[in-house]
N, C-alpha and C. Protein backbone atom coordinates (compact mmCIF):
# COMPACT_ATOMS: atom_id res chain seq x y z
N MET A 1 239.41 212.82 2.58
CA MET A 1 238.58 211.91 1.79
C MET A 1 237.10 212.14 2.05
N ALA A 2 236.76 212.47 3.32
CA ALA A 2 235.36 212.65 3.68
C ALA A 2 234.82 213.96 3.12
N LYS A 3 233.54 213.96 2.81
CA LYS A 3 232.91 215.18 2.30
C LYS A 3 232.69 216.17 3.42
N ARG A 4 232.54 215.68 4.66
CA ARG A 4 232.37 216.58 5.78
C ARG A 4 233.10 216.01 6.98
N ASP A 5 233.37 216.88 7.94
CA ASP A 5 234.16 216.47 9.09
C ASP A 5 233.32 215.72 10.13
N ASN A 6 232.06 216.09 10.26
CA ASN A 6 231.24 215.53 11.32
C ASN A 6 230.47 214.30 10.85
N ILE A 7 231.16 213.17 10.82
CA ILE A 7 230.53 211.90 10.46
C ILE A 7 229.95 211.30 11.73
N SER A 8 228.67 210.95 11.71
CA SER A 8 228.03 210.45 12.93
C SER A 8 228.60 209.10 13.32
N SER A 9 228.58 208.82 14.62
CA SER A 9 229.11 207.54 15.11
C SER A 9 228.31 206.36 14.59
N SER A 10 227.02 206.55 14.32
CA SER A 10 226.20 205.45 13.79
C SER A 10 226.66 205.06 12.39
N VAL A 11 227.05 206.04 11.58
CA VAL A 11 227.58 205.74 10.24
C VAL A 11 228.89 204.99 10.36
N VAL A 12 229.76 205.45 11.25
CA VAL A 12 231.06 204.79 11.44
C VAL A 12 230.87 203.34 11.88
N ARG A 13 229.90 203.10 12.76
CA ARG A 13 229.64 201.73 13.22
C ARG A 13 229.18 200.82 12.09
N ARG A 14 228.53 201.41 11.08
CA ARG A 14 228.05 200.57 9.98
C ARG A 14 229.11 200.28 8.93
N LEU A 15 230.14 201.11 8.86
CA LEU A 15 231.15 200.93 7.82
C LEU A 15 231.80 199.54 7.83
N PRO A 16 232.21 199.01 8.99
CA PRO A 16 232.81 197.67 8.96
C PRO A 16 231.86 196.60 8.43
N ARG A 17 230.57 196.78 8.67
CA ARG A 17 229.60 195.81 8.14
C ARG A 17 229.51 195.91 6.62
N TYR A 18 229.50 197.12 6.10
CA TYR A 18 229.53 197.29 4.64
C TYR A 18 230.77 196.58 4.08
N TYR A 19 231.89 196.83 4.71
CA TYR A 19 233.14 196.23 4.23
C TYR A 19 233.05 194.71 4.25
N ARG A 20 232.54 194.15 5.33
CA ARG A 20 232.44 192.69 5.46
C ARG A 20 231.54 192.10 4.38
N PHE A 21 230.38 192.72 4.16
CA PHE A 21 229.44 192.22 3.15
C PHE A 21 230.05 192.32 1.75
N LEU A 22 230.72 193.43 1.48
CA LEU A 22 231.33 193.62 0.17
C LEU A 22 232.45 192.61 -0.08
N ARG A 23 233.20 192.29 0.95
CA ARG A 23 234.24 191.25 0.82
C ARG A 23 233.62 189.91 0.46
N GLU A 24 232.50 189.59 1.11
CA GLU A 24 231.82 188.33 0.83
C GLU A 24 231.33 188.29 -0.62
N LEU A 25 230.76 189.40 -1.09
CA LEU A 25 230.28 189.47 -2.47
C LEU A 25 231.44 189.35 -3.45
N ASP A 26 232.54 190.06 -3.14
CA ASP A 26 233.71 190.02 -4.01
C ASP A 26 234.27 188.60 -4.10
N ALA A 27 234.30 187.90 -2.97
CA ALA A 27 234.81 186.54 -2.95
C ALA A 27 233.95 185.59 -3.79
N LYS A 28 232.68 185.93 -3.93
CA LYS A 28 231.76 185.11 -4.73
C LYS A 28 231.80 185.49 -6.21
N GLY A 29 232.60 186.48 -6.54
CA GLY A 29 232.71 186.91 -7.93
C GLY A 29 231.60 187.83 -8.39
N ILE A 30 230.86 188.41 -7.44
CA ILE A 30 229.78 189.36 -7.77
C ILE A 30 230.41 190.74 -8.00
N SER A 31 230.16 191.31 -9.16
CA SER A 31 230.86 192.54 -9.54
C SER A 31 230.09 193.81 -9.19
N ARG A 32 228.75 193.74 -9.14
CA ARG A 32 227.97 194.95 -8.87
C ARG A 32 226.90 194.65 -7.83
N VAL A 33 226.54 195.67 -7.09
CA VAL A 33 225.51 195.52 -6.07
C VAL A 33 224.72 196.83 -5.99
N SER A 34 223.44 196.73 -5.75
CA SER A 34 222.60 197.92 -5.61
C SER A 34 222.50 198.32 -4.14
N SER A 35 222.06 199.55 -3.92
CA SER A 35 221.85 200.00 -2.55
C SER A 35 220.76 199.18 -1.88
N GLY A 36 219.77 198.72 -2.65
CA GLY A 36 218.71 197.89 -2.10
C GLY A 36 219.23 196.56 -1.61
N GLU A 37 220.16 195.96 -2.37
CA GLU A 37 220.73 194.68 -1.97
C GLU A 37 221.60 194.83 -0.73
N LEU A 38 222.35 195.92 -0.67
CA LEU A 38 223.13 196.17 0.55
C LEU A 38 222.22 196.42 1.74
N ALA A 39 221.12 197.11 1.50
CA ALA A 39 220.18 197.42 2.57
C ALA A 39 219.60 196.15 3.18
N LYS A 40 219.29 195.16 2.35
CA LYS A 40 218.75 193.89 2.86
C LYS A 40 219.73 193.23 3.82
N ARG A 41 220.99 193.24 3.44
CA ARG A 41 222.01 192.63 4.29
C ARG A 41 222.22 193.42 5.58
N MET A 42 222.00 194.72 5.52
CA MET A 42 222.21 195.59 6.68
C MET A 42 220.96 195.73 7.53
N SER A 43 219.85 195.12 7.10
CA SER A 43 218.56 195.32 7.77
C SER A 43 218.26 196.81 7.85
N SER A 44 218.48 197.48 6.71
CA SER A 44 218.33 198.93 6.63
C SER A 44 217.47 199.27 5.43
N THR A 45 217.61 200.47 4.92
CA THR A 45 216.88 200.89 3.73
C THR A 45 217.88 201.36 2.68
N ALA A 46 217.46 201.33 1.42
CA ALA A 46 218.33 201.79 0.34
C ALA A 46 218.69 203.25 0.54
N SER A 47 217.75 204.04 1.03
CA SER A 47 218.01 205.45 1.27
C SER A 47 219.09 205.64 2.33
N GLN A 48 219.03 204.82 3.39
CA GLN A 48 220.05 204.92 4.45
C GLN A 48 221.42 204.55 3.92
N VAL A 49 221.49 203.51 3.10
CA VAL A 49 222.77 203.09 2.50
C VAL A 49 223.35 204.23 1.69
N ARG A 50 222.52 204.85 0.84
CA ARG A 50 223.01 205.94 0.00
C ARG A 50 223.47 207.12 0.85
N GLN A 51 222.72 207.43 1.90
CA GLN A 51 223.11 208.54 2.78
C GLN A 51 224.44 208.25 3.46
N ASP A 52 224.61 207.02 3.93
CA ASP A 52 225.86 206.65 4.60
C ASP A 52 227.04 206.83 3.66
N LEU A 53 226.93 206.27 2.47
CA LEU A 53 228.05 206.30 1.53
C LEU A 53 228.31 207.70 0.99
N ASN A 54 227.24 208.49 0.85
CA ASN A 54 227.41 209.85 0.36
C ASN A 54 228.18 210.75 1.33
N CYS A 55 228.33 210.29 2.59
CA CYS A 55 229.15 211.04 3.54
C CYS A 55 230.60 211.11 3.09
N PHE A 56 230.99 210.16 2.24
CA PHE A 56 232.40 210.02 1.88
C PHE A 56 232.69 210.26 0.40
N GLY A 57 231.65 210.43 -0.39
CA GLY A 57 231.87 210.66 -1.80
C GLY A 57 230.77 210.04 -2.65
N GLU A 58 230.93 210.14 -3.96
CA GLU A 58 229.97 209.57 -4.90
C GLU A 58 230.56 208.29 -5.48
N PHE A 59 230.02 207.15 -5.08
CA PHE A 59 230.60 205.87 -5.48
C PHE A 59 229.79 205.10 -6.50
N GLY A 60 228.48 205.27 -6.51
CA GLY A 60 227.62 204.47 -7.39
C GLY A 60 227.07 205.27 -8.56
N GLN A 61 226.37 204.58 -9.45
CA GLN A 61 225.71 205.22 -10.58
C GLN A 61 224.25 204.79 -10.59
N GLN A 62 223.37 205.77 -10.74
CA GLN A 62 221.94 205.49 -10.72
C GLN A 62 221.60 204.47 -11.80
N GLY A 63 220.88 203.45 -11.39
CA GLY A 63 220.45 202.41 -12.32
C GLY A 63 221.47 201.32 -12.55
N ILE A 64 222.70 201.56 -12.10
CA ILE A 64 223.77 200.58 -12.29
C ILE A 64 224.24 200.02 -10.95
N GLY A 65 224.19 200.83 -9.91
CA GLY A 65 224.62 200.39 -8.59
C GLY A 65 226.10 200.65 -8.35
N TYR A 66 226.67 199.87 -7.46
CA TYR A 66 228.05 200.07 -7.05
C TYR A 66 228.94 198.95 -7.57
N SER A 67 230.15 199.30 -7.94
CA SER A 67 231.17 198.29 -8.22
C SER A 67 231.59 197.70 -6.88
N VAL A 68 231.42 196.40 -6.72
CA VAL A 68 231.72 195.75 -5.44
C VAL A 68 233.18 195.93 -5.07
N ALA A 69 234.08 195.63 -6.00
CA ALA A 69 235.51 195.71 -5.71
C ALA A 69 235.94 197.14 -5.39
N GLN A 70 235.44 198.10 -6.16
CA GLN A 70 235.81 199.49 -5.95
C GLN A 70 235.29 200.01 -4.61
N LEU A 71 234.02 199.72 -4.32
CA LEU A 71 233.45 200.21 -3.07
C LEU A 71 234.13 199.55 -1.88
N LYS A 72 234.44 198.27 -1.99
CA LYS A 72 235.17 197.58 -0.92
C LYS A 72 236.50 198.27 -0.65
N ASP A 73 237.23 198.59 -1.72
CA ASP A 73 238.53 199.24 -1.56
C ASP A 73 238.39 200.66 -1.01
N GLU A 74 237.34 201.36 -1.44
CA GLU A 74 237.11 202.73 -0.94
C GLU A 74 236.84 202.70 0.56
N ILE A 75 235.99 201.77 0.99
CA ILE A 75 235.66 201.69 2.42
C ILE A 75 236.88 201.24 3.22
N ALA A 76 237.67 200.34 2.65
CA ALA A 76 238.91 199.93 3.31
C ALA A 76 239.81 201.14 3.54
N GLY A 77 239.87 202.03 2.54
CA GLY A 77 240.68 203.23 2.66
C GLY A 77 240.12 204.18 3.70
N ILE A 78 238.81 204.33 3.72
CA ILE A 78 238.16 205.20 4.71
C ILE A 78 238.43 204.70 6.13
N LEU A 79 238.34 203.38 6.32
CA LEU A 79 238.56 202.79 7.63
C LEU A 79 240.03 202.74 8.02
N GLY A 80 240.90 202.87 7.04
CA GLY A 80 242.34 202.80 7.34
C GLY A 80 242.81 201.39 7.59
N ILE A 81 242.18 200.43 6.92
CA ILE A 81 242.47 199.02 7.20
C ILE A 81 243.93 198.66 6.96
N SER A 82 244.56 199.29 6.00
CA SER A 82 245.94 198.93 5.67
C SER A 82 246.98 199.77 6.41
N CYS A 83 246.54 200.58 7.38
CA CYS A 83 247.47 201.49 8.05
C CYS A 83 248.52 200.76 8.89
N GLY A 84 248.13 199.67 9.53
CA GLY A 84 249.08 198.91 10.34
C GLY A 84 249.64 199.68 11.52
N TYR A 85 248.79 200.40 12.25
CA TYR A 85 249.24 201.16 13.40
C TYR A 85 249.87 200.23 14.45
N PRO A 86 251.05 200.57 14.97
CA PRO A 86 251.68 199.74 16.00
C PRO A 86 250.83 199.73 17.27
N ALA A 87 250.52 198.53 17.77
CA ALA A 87 249.67 198.39 18.94
C ALA A 87 250.27 197.40 19.93
N ILE A 88 250.00 197.63 21.21
CA ILE A 88 250.36 196.67 22.23
C ILE A 88 249.10 196.19 22.93
N LEU A 89 249.19 195.03 23.55
CA LEU A 89 248.09 194.51 24.35
C LEU A 89 248.58 194.33 25.77
N VAL A 90 247.80 194.82 26.73
CA VAL A 90 248.15 194.69 28.14
C VAL A 90 247.10 193.84 28.83
N GLY A 91 247.56 192.71 29.38
CA GLY A 91 246.65 191.76 30.03
C GLY A 91 246.55 190.49 29.22
N ALA A 92 247.40 189.51 29.55
CA ALA A 92 247.48 188.28 28.75
C ALA A 92 246.66 187.15 29.36
N GLY A 93 245.50 187.51 29.92
CA GLY A 93 244.59 186.49 30.42
C GLY A 93 243.80 185.86 29.30
N ASN A 94 242.68 185.24 29.63
CA ASN A 94 241.88 184.55 28.61
C ASN A 94 241.36 185.49 27.54
N ILE A 95 240.78 186.62 27.97
CA ILE A 95 240.26 187.59 27.00
C ILE A 95 241.41 188.20 26.19
N GLY A 96 242.46 188.60 26.88
CA GLY A 96 243.59 189.20 26.19
C GLY A 96 244.21 188.27 25.16
N THR A 97 244.33 186.99 25.52
CA THR A 97 244.89 186.01 24.59
C THR A 97 244.00 185.87 23.36
N ALA A 98 242.69 185.81 23.58
CA ALA A 98 241.76 185.69 22.45
C ALA A 98 241.84 186.91 21.55
N ILE A 99 241.92 188.10 22.15
CA ILE A 99 242.01 189.32 21.36
C ILE A 99 243.32 189.38 20.58
N ALA A 100 244.41 189.00 21.23
CA ALA A 100 245.71 189.00 20.56
C ALA A 100 245.70 188.07 19.35
N ASN A 101 245.14 186.89 19.53
CA ASN A 101 245.05 185.94 18.42
C ASN A 101 244.21 186.50 17.28
N GLN A 102 243.12 187.18 17.62
CA GLN A 102 242.24 187.75 16.61
C GLN A 102 242.92 188.86 15.83
N VAL A 103 243.60 189.76 16.55
CA VAL A 103 244.29 190.88 15.90
C VAL A 103 245.39 190.36 14.99
N ALA A 104 246.13 189.36 15.48
CA ALA A 104 247.22 188.80 14.67
C ALA A 104 246.67 188.10 13.43
N TYR A 105 245.51 187.44 13.59
CA TYR A 105 244.91 186.72 12.46
C TYR A 105 244.34 187.69 11.43
N GLU A 106 243.64 188.70 11.89
CA GLU A 106 242.98 189.64 10.99
C GLU A 106 244.00 190.44 10.17
N LYS A 107 245.07 190.89 10.83
CA LYS A 107 246.10 191.70 10.17
C LYS A 107 245.51 192.91 9.46
N ARG A 108 244.56 193.57 10.14
CA ARG A 108 243.96 194.78 9.59
C ARG A 108 244.12 195.92 10.59
N CYS A 109 244.31 197.09 10.08
CA CYS A 109 244.32 198.32 10.87
C CYS A 109 245.53 198.43 11.80
N PHE A 110 245.81 197.36 12.55
CA PHE A 110 246.85 197.42 13.56
C PHE A 110 247.85 196.28 13.41
N GLU A 111 249.08 196.57 13.79
CA GLU A 111 250.11 195.53 13.89
C GLU A 111 250.43 195.34 15.36
N LEU A 112 250.13 194.16 15.87
CA LEU A 112 250.41 193.88 17.28
C LEU A 112 251.90 193.66 17.45
N VAL A 113 252.55 194.58 18.17
CA VAL A 113 254.01 194.54 18.29
C VAL A 113 254.48 194.13 19.68
N GLY A 114 253.58 194.10 20.66
CA GLY A 114 253.99 193.71 22.01
C GLY A 114 252.82 193.30 22.87
N ILE A 115 253.07 192.39 23.80
CA ILE A 115 252.06 191.93 24.76
C ILE A 115 252.69 192.00 26.15
N PHE A 116 251.93 192.52 27.12
CA PHE A 116 252.46 192.75 28.46
C PHE A 116 251.53 192.20 29.53
N ASP A 117 252.13 191.79 30.64
CA ASP A 117 251.35 191.34 31.79
C ASP A 117 252.21 191.50 33.04
N SER A 118 251.55 191.71 34.19
CA SER A 118 252.29 191.85 35.45
C SER A 118 252.48 190.51 36.16
N ASP A 119 251.83 189.47 35.67
CA ASP A 119 251.90 188.13 36.26
C ASP A 119 253.15 187.42 35.74
N MET A 120 254.09 187.12 36.63
CA MET A 120 255.33 186.49 36.20
C MET A 120 255.09 185.10 35.61
N ARG A 121 253.94 184.48 35.91
CA ARG A 121 253.65 183.18 35.31
C ARG A 121 253.34 183.31 33.82
N LYS A 122 252.92 184.48 33.39
CA LYS A 122 252.62 184.71 31.97
C LYS A 122 253.81 185.30 31.21
N VAL A 123 254.67 186.03 31.94
CA VAL A 123 255.84 186.63 31.31
C VAL A 123 256.74 185.53 30.75
N GLY A 124 257.12 185.69 29.49
CA GLY A 124 257.97 184.70 28.83
C GLY A 124 257.20 183.70 28.00
N THR A 125 255.88 183.61 28.21
CA THR A 125 255.07 182.76 27.35
C THR A 125 254.88 183.43 25.99
N VAL A 126 254.45 182.66 25.01
CA VAL A 126 254.32 183.18 23.65
C VAL A 126 252.87 183.12 23.20
N ILE A 127 252.36 184.24 22.73
CA ILE A 127 250.99 184.33 22.20
C ILE A 127 251.08 184.91 20.79
N SER A 128 250.55 184.18 19.83
CA SER A 128 250.56 184.63 18.43
C SER A 128 251.96 185.04 17.97
N GLY A 129 252.95 184.30 18.42
CA GLY A 129 254.32 184.56 18.00
C GLY A 129 255.01 185.69 18.74
N ILE A 130 254.35 186.27 19.74
CA ILE A 130 254.92 187.39 20.50
C ILE A 130 255.17 186.94 21.95
N THR A 131 256.37 187.17 22.43
CA THR A 131 256.71 186.81 23.81
C THR A 131 256.15 187.87 24.76
N VAL A 132 255.44 187.41 25.78
CA VAL A 132 254.84 188.31 26.76
C VAL A 132 255.94 188.93 27.63
N SER A 133 255.94 190.26 27.72
CA SER A 133 256.90 190.99 28.54
C SER A 133 256.22 191.50 29.81
N HIS A 134 257.04 191.86 30.80
CA HIS A 134 256.49 192.41 32.04
C HIS A 134 256.05 193.86 31.81
N THR A 135 255.02 194.26 32.51
CA THR A 135 254.48 195.61 32.36
C THR A 135 255.48 196.69 32.75
N ASP A 136 256.51 196.34 33.51
CA ASP A 136 257.54 197.33 33.87
C ASP A 136 258.25 197.86 32.62
N GLU A 137 258.19 197.12 31.53
CA GLU A 137 258.93 197.51 30.32
C GLU A 137 258.09 198.34 29.35
N ILE A 138 256.85 198.66 29.73
CA ILE A 138 255.94 199.30 28.80
C ILE A 138 256.46 200.65 28.29
N GLU A 139 256.89 201.52 29.20
CA GLU A 139 257.30 202.86 28.77
C GLU A 139 258.43 202.81 27.75
N ARG A 140 259.47 202.05 28.07
CA ARG A 140 260.60 201.96 27.15
C ARG A 140 260.16 201.40 25.81
N PHE A 141 259.35 200.35 25.84
CA PHE A 141 258.91 199.70 24.61
C PHE A 141 258.07 200.66 23.76
N CYS A 142 257.13 201.36 24.38
CA CYS A 142 256.24 202.26 23.63
C CYS A 142 257.03 203.36 22.94
N ARG A 143 258.04 203.88 23.61
CA ARG A 143 258.83 204.95 23.01
C ARG A 143 259.71 204.42 21.88
N GLU A 144 260.26 203.23 22.08
CA GLU A 144 261.12 202.65 21.04
C GLU A 144 260.34 202.27 19.79
N LYS A 145 259.12 201.76 19.99
CA LYS A 145 258.32 201.25 18.87
C LYS A 145 257.31 202.27 18.36
N ASP A 146 257.27 203.46 18.98
CA ASP A 146 256.32 204.50 18.59
C ASP A 146 254.89 203.95 18.56
N VAL A 147 254.50 203.33 19.65
CA VAL A 147 253.19 202.67 19.76
C VAL A 147 252.07 203.70 19.68
N VAL A 148 251.07 203.40 18.88
CA VAL A 148 249.94 204.30 18.68
C VAL A 148 248.75 203.91 19.55
N THR A 149 248.52 202.60 19.68
CA THR A 149 247.30 202.11 20.33
C THR A 149 247.63 201.06 21.40
N ALA A 150 246.88 201.10 22.48
CA ALA A 150 246.99 200.07 23.52
C ALA A 150 245.65 199.36 23.65
N ILE A 151 245.71 198.05 23.65
CA ILE A 151 244.52 197.21 23.87
C ILE A 151 244.53 196.83 25.34
N ILE A 152 243.50 197.24 26.07
CA ILE A 152 243.49 197.10 27.53
C ILE A 152 242.58 195.94 27.95
N CYS A 153 243.17 194.92 28.53
CA CYS A 153 242.42 193.74 28.98
C CYS A 153 242.79 193.41 30.42
N VAL A 154 242.80 194.44 31.27
CA VAL A 154 243.16 194.24 32.68
C VAL A 154 241.96 194.61 33.55
N PRO A 155 241.96 194.19 34.83
CA PRO A 155 240.85 194.54 35.72
C PRO A 155 240.67 196.04 35.87
N LYS A 156 239.45 196.44 36.13
CA LYS A 156 239.11 197.87 36.21
C LYS A 156 240.02 198.62 37.19
N GLY A 157 240.32 198.01 38.32
CA GLY A 157 241.11 198.68 39.34
C GLY A 157 242.53 199.00 38.92
N ALA A 158 243.03 198.31 37.89
CA ALA A 158 244.40 198.53 37.44
C ALA A 158 244.49 199.48 36.25
N VAL A 159 243.35 199.90 35.71
CA VAL A 159 243.36 200.62 34.44
C VAL A 159 243.84 202.06 34.58
N GLU A 160 243.40 202.76 35.62
CA GLU A 160 243.74 204.19 35.71
C GLU A 160 245.25 204.41 35.76
N GLU A 161 245.94 203.66 36.61
CA GLU A 161 247.39 203.81 36.69
C GLU A 161 248.05 203.43 35.37
N LEU A 162 247.56 202.35 34.76
CA LEU A 162 248.10 201.91 33.47
C LEU A 162 247.89 202.97 32.40
N ALA A 163 246.69 203.54 32.36
CA ALA A 163 246.38 204.58 31.38
C ALA A 163 247.28 205.79 31.58
N ASP A 164 247.54 206.15 32.82
CA ASP A 164 248.44 207.27 33.11
C ASP A 164 249.83 207.00 32.53
N ARG A 165 250.31 205.80 32.71
CA ARG A 165 251.64 205.44 32.22
C ARG A 165 251.68 205.47 30.69
N LEU A 166 250.67 204.90 30.07
CA LEU A 166 250.62 204.87 28.60
C LEU A 166 250.48 206.28 28.03
N TYR A 167 249.63 207.08 28.66
CA TYR A 167 249.45 208.47 28.22
C TYR A 167 250.76 209.23 28.33
N GLY A 168 251.49 208.96 29.41
CA GLY A 168 252.75 209.65 29.64
C GLY A 168 253.80 209.35 28.60
N CYS A 169 253.69 208.20 27.93
CA CYS A 169 254.69 207.89 26.89
C CYS A 169 254.10 208.03 25.49
N GLY A 170 252.99 208.79 25.39
CA GLY A 170 252.51 209.21 24.08
C GLY A 170 251.39 208.42 23.46
N VAL A 171 250.90 207.39 24.14
CA VAL A 171 249.79 206.61 23.58
C VAL A 171 248.50 207.42 23.73
N ARG A 172 247.79 207.58 22.62
CA ARG A 172 246.58 208.41 22.63
C ARG A 172 245.35 207.69 22.09
N SER A 173 245.45 206.40 21.86
CA SER A 173 244.25 205.65 21.45
C SER A 173 244.21 204.31 22.17
N PHE A 174 242.99 203.90 22.52
CA PHE A 174 242.82 202.71 23.35
C PHE A 174 241.64 201.88 22.86
N TRP A 175 241.86 200.58 22.81
CA TRP A 175 240.76 199.62 22.64
C TRP A 175 240.57 199.03 24.02
N ASN A 176 239.52 199.44 24.69
CA ASN A 176 239.39 199.24 26.13
C ASN A 176 238.35 198.19 26.47
N PHE A 177 238.81 197.07 27.01
CA PHE A 177 237.91 195.99 27.42
C PHE A 177 237.64 196.02 28.92
N SER A 178 238.11 197.05 29.60
CA SER A 178 237.83 197.18 31.03
C SER A 178 236.56 198.01 31.22
N HIS A 179 236.19 198.23 32.48
CA HIS A 179 235.01 199.05 32.77
C HIS A 179 235.40 200.42 33.30
N PHE A 180 236.65 200.81 33.10
CA PHE A 180 237.10 202.15 33.47
C PHE A 180 237.07 203.02 32.22
N ASP A 181 236.41 204.16 32.30
CA ASP A 181 236.25 205.03 31.13
C ASP A 181 237.46 205.96 31.00
N ILE A 182 238.41 205.55 30.18
CA ILE A 182 239.63 206.33 29.99
C ILE A 182 239.33 207.71 29.41
N GLY A 183 238.32 207.77 28.54
CA GLY A 183 237.97 209.02 27.89
C GLY A 183 237.46 210.08 28.85
N MET A 184 236.98 209.68 30.03
CA MET A 184 236.52 210.65 31.02
C MET A 184 237.69 211.36 31.68
N LYS A 185 238.84 210.72 31.69
CA LYS A 185 240.01 211.34 32.34
C LYS A 185 240.82 212.18 31.37
N TYR A 186 240.92 211.72 30.12
CA TYR A 186 241.70 212.43 29.12
C TYR A 186 240.80 212.81 27.96
N ASP A 187 240.70 214.09 27.68
CA ASP A 187 239.78 214.53 26.63
C ASP A 187 240.43 214.57 25.25
N ASP A 188 241.71 214.20 25.17
CA ASP A 188 242.38 214.22 23.87
C ASP A 188 242.77 212.81 23.42
N VAL A 189 242.09 211.79 23.95
CA VAL A 189 242.37 210.43 23.52
C VAL A 189 241.20 209.89 22.69
N THR A 190 241.50 208.89 21.89
CA THR A 190 240.48 208.18 21.12
C THR A 190 240.29 206.82 21.76
N VAL A 191 239.06 206.52 22.16
CA VAL A 191 238.79 205.28 22.89
C VAL A 191 237.62 204.54 22.26
N GLU A 192 237.81 203.25 22.06
CA GLU A 192 236.71 202.37 21.69
C GLU A 192 236.49 201.43 22.87
N ASN A 193 235.39 201.66 23.61
CA ASN A 193 235.09 200.83 24.77
C ASN A 193 234.29 199.60 24.36
N VAL A 194 234.70 198.45 24.86
CA VAL A 194 234.00 197.20 24.58
C VAL A 194 233.55 196.62 25.92
N HIS A 195 232.25 196.66 26.18
CA HIS A 195 231.71 196.12 27.42
C HIS A 195 230.99 194.80 27.10
N LEU A 196 231.65 193.69 27.36
CA LEU A 196 231.08 192.39 27.03
C LEU A 196 229.79 192.14 27.81
N SER A 197 229.76 192.58 29.07
CA SER A 197 228.56 192.36 29.87
C SER A 197 227.38 193.15 29.31
N ASP A 198 227.64 194.36 28.79
CA ASP A 198 226.57 195.14 28.17
C ASP A 198 226.01 194.41 26.96
N SER A 199 226.90 193.82 26.17
CA SER A 199 226.47 193.09 24.98
C SER A 199 225.61 191.89 25.36
N LEU A 200 226.00 191.19 26.43
CA LEU A 200 225.21 190.05 26.89
C LEU A 200 223.83 190.50 27.36
N MET A 201 223.80 191.64 28.07
CA MET A 201 222.51 192.13 28.55
C MET A 201 221.61 192.57 27.39
N GLN A 202 222.21 193.15 26.35
CA GLN A 202 221.42 193.52 25.18
C GLN A 202 220.85 192.30 24.49
N LEU A 203 221.67 191.23 24.40
CA LEU A 203 221.18 189.98 23.82
C LEU A 203 220.05 189.41 24.67
N CYS A 204 220.21 189.45 25.98
CA CYS A 204 219.17 188.96 26.88
C CYS A 204 217.87 189.74 26.68
N PHE A 205 217.98 191.05 26.55
CA PHE A 205 216.80 191.90 26.33
C PHE A 205 216.09 191.51 25.03
N ARG A 206 216.87 191.30 23.97
CA ARG A 206 216.28 190.96 22.68
C ARG A 206 215.60 189.60 22.72
N ILE A 207 216.20 188.64 23.43
CA ILE A 207 215.56 187.33 23.56
C ILE A 207 214.26 187.46 24.34
N LYS A 208 214.31 188.23 25.42
CA LYS A 208 213.12 188.44 26.25
C LYS A 208 212.00 189.06 25.44
N ARG A 209 212.32 190.12 24.69
CA ARG A 209 211.31 190.77 23.85
C ARG A 209 210.74 189.83 22.79
N SER A 210 211.61 189.03 22.19
CA SER A 210 211.19 188.09 21.17
C SER A 210 210.21 187.08 21.74
N ARG A 211 210.49 186.59 22.93
CA ARG A 211 209.60 185.60 23.56
C ARG A 211 208.28 186.23 23.99
N GLU A 212 208.35 187.48 24.44
CA GLU A 212 207.13 188.17 24.82
C GLU A 212 206.22 188.41 23.60
N ASP A 213 206.86 188.72 22.47
CA ASP A 213 206.09 188.97 21.25
C ASP A 213 205.43 187.70 20.74
N ASN A 214 206.02 186.55 21.02
CA ASN A 214 205.46 185.27 20.58
C ASN A 214 204.48 184.70 21.59
């Protein structure tokens, strides 16, 4: 679908925002949107919007703009929103529970098929309609369900061994909420690292700069 293989990570990071804005416009019954209007919502420029979208094809018409519904569906296809990749979540603590609820609610990209924890107090509890299983069952479950992705919400010290086990049973993509860099150990995995503390520090920096400017 892409016009070229080397799509920059910055473009990929913007795609979900395009999709979100287009969904909002579609829900309001707005049928067409210009690159300038999208740029305002993205805090970007019309030229940047056109460059981003041109990475994947020709979607708009000069002087007419983009069909909101069509572009939304095209971006959904590019992102693979309807793929429903089988995913498990490991770590049913507060963060893991929140993530599981979000994934189950969104019902995009991934289908959460299992939740695991090593804490016997959590095993047997139900989160988003899924009964938490013990981590001892991960290998068998992953092979039976052909799991594609693991969502990691365990302490950093437990991640390396867990990643080894998941890698050994064929899991090659990770949504990683720990501070262990799985991608440094395996060069053939796809990893999206989420560092909540980094995000908080970035917010702190922006607040500090804003106050200094005022």
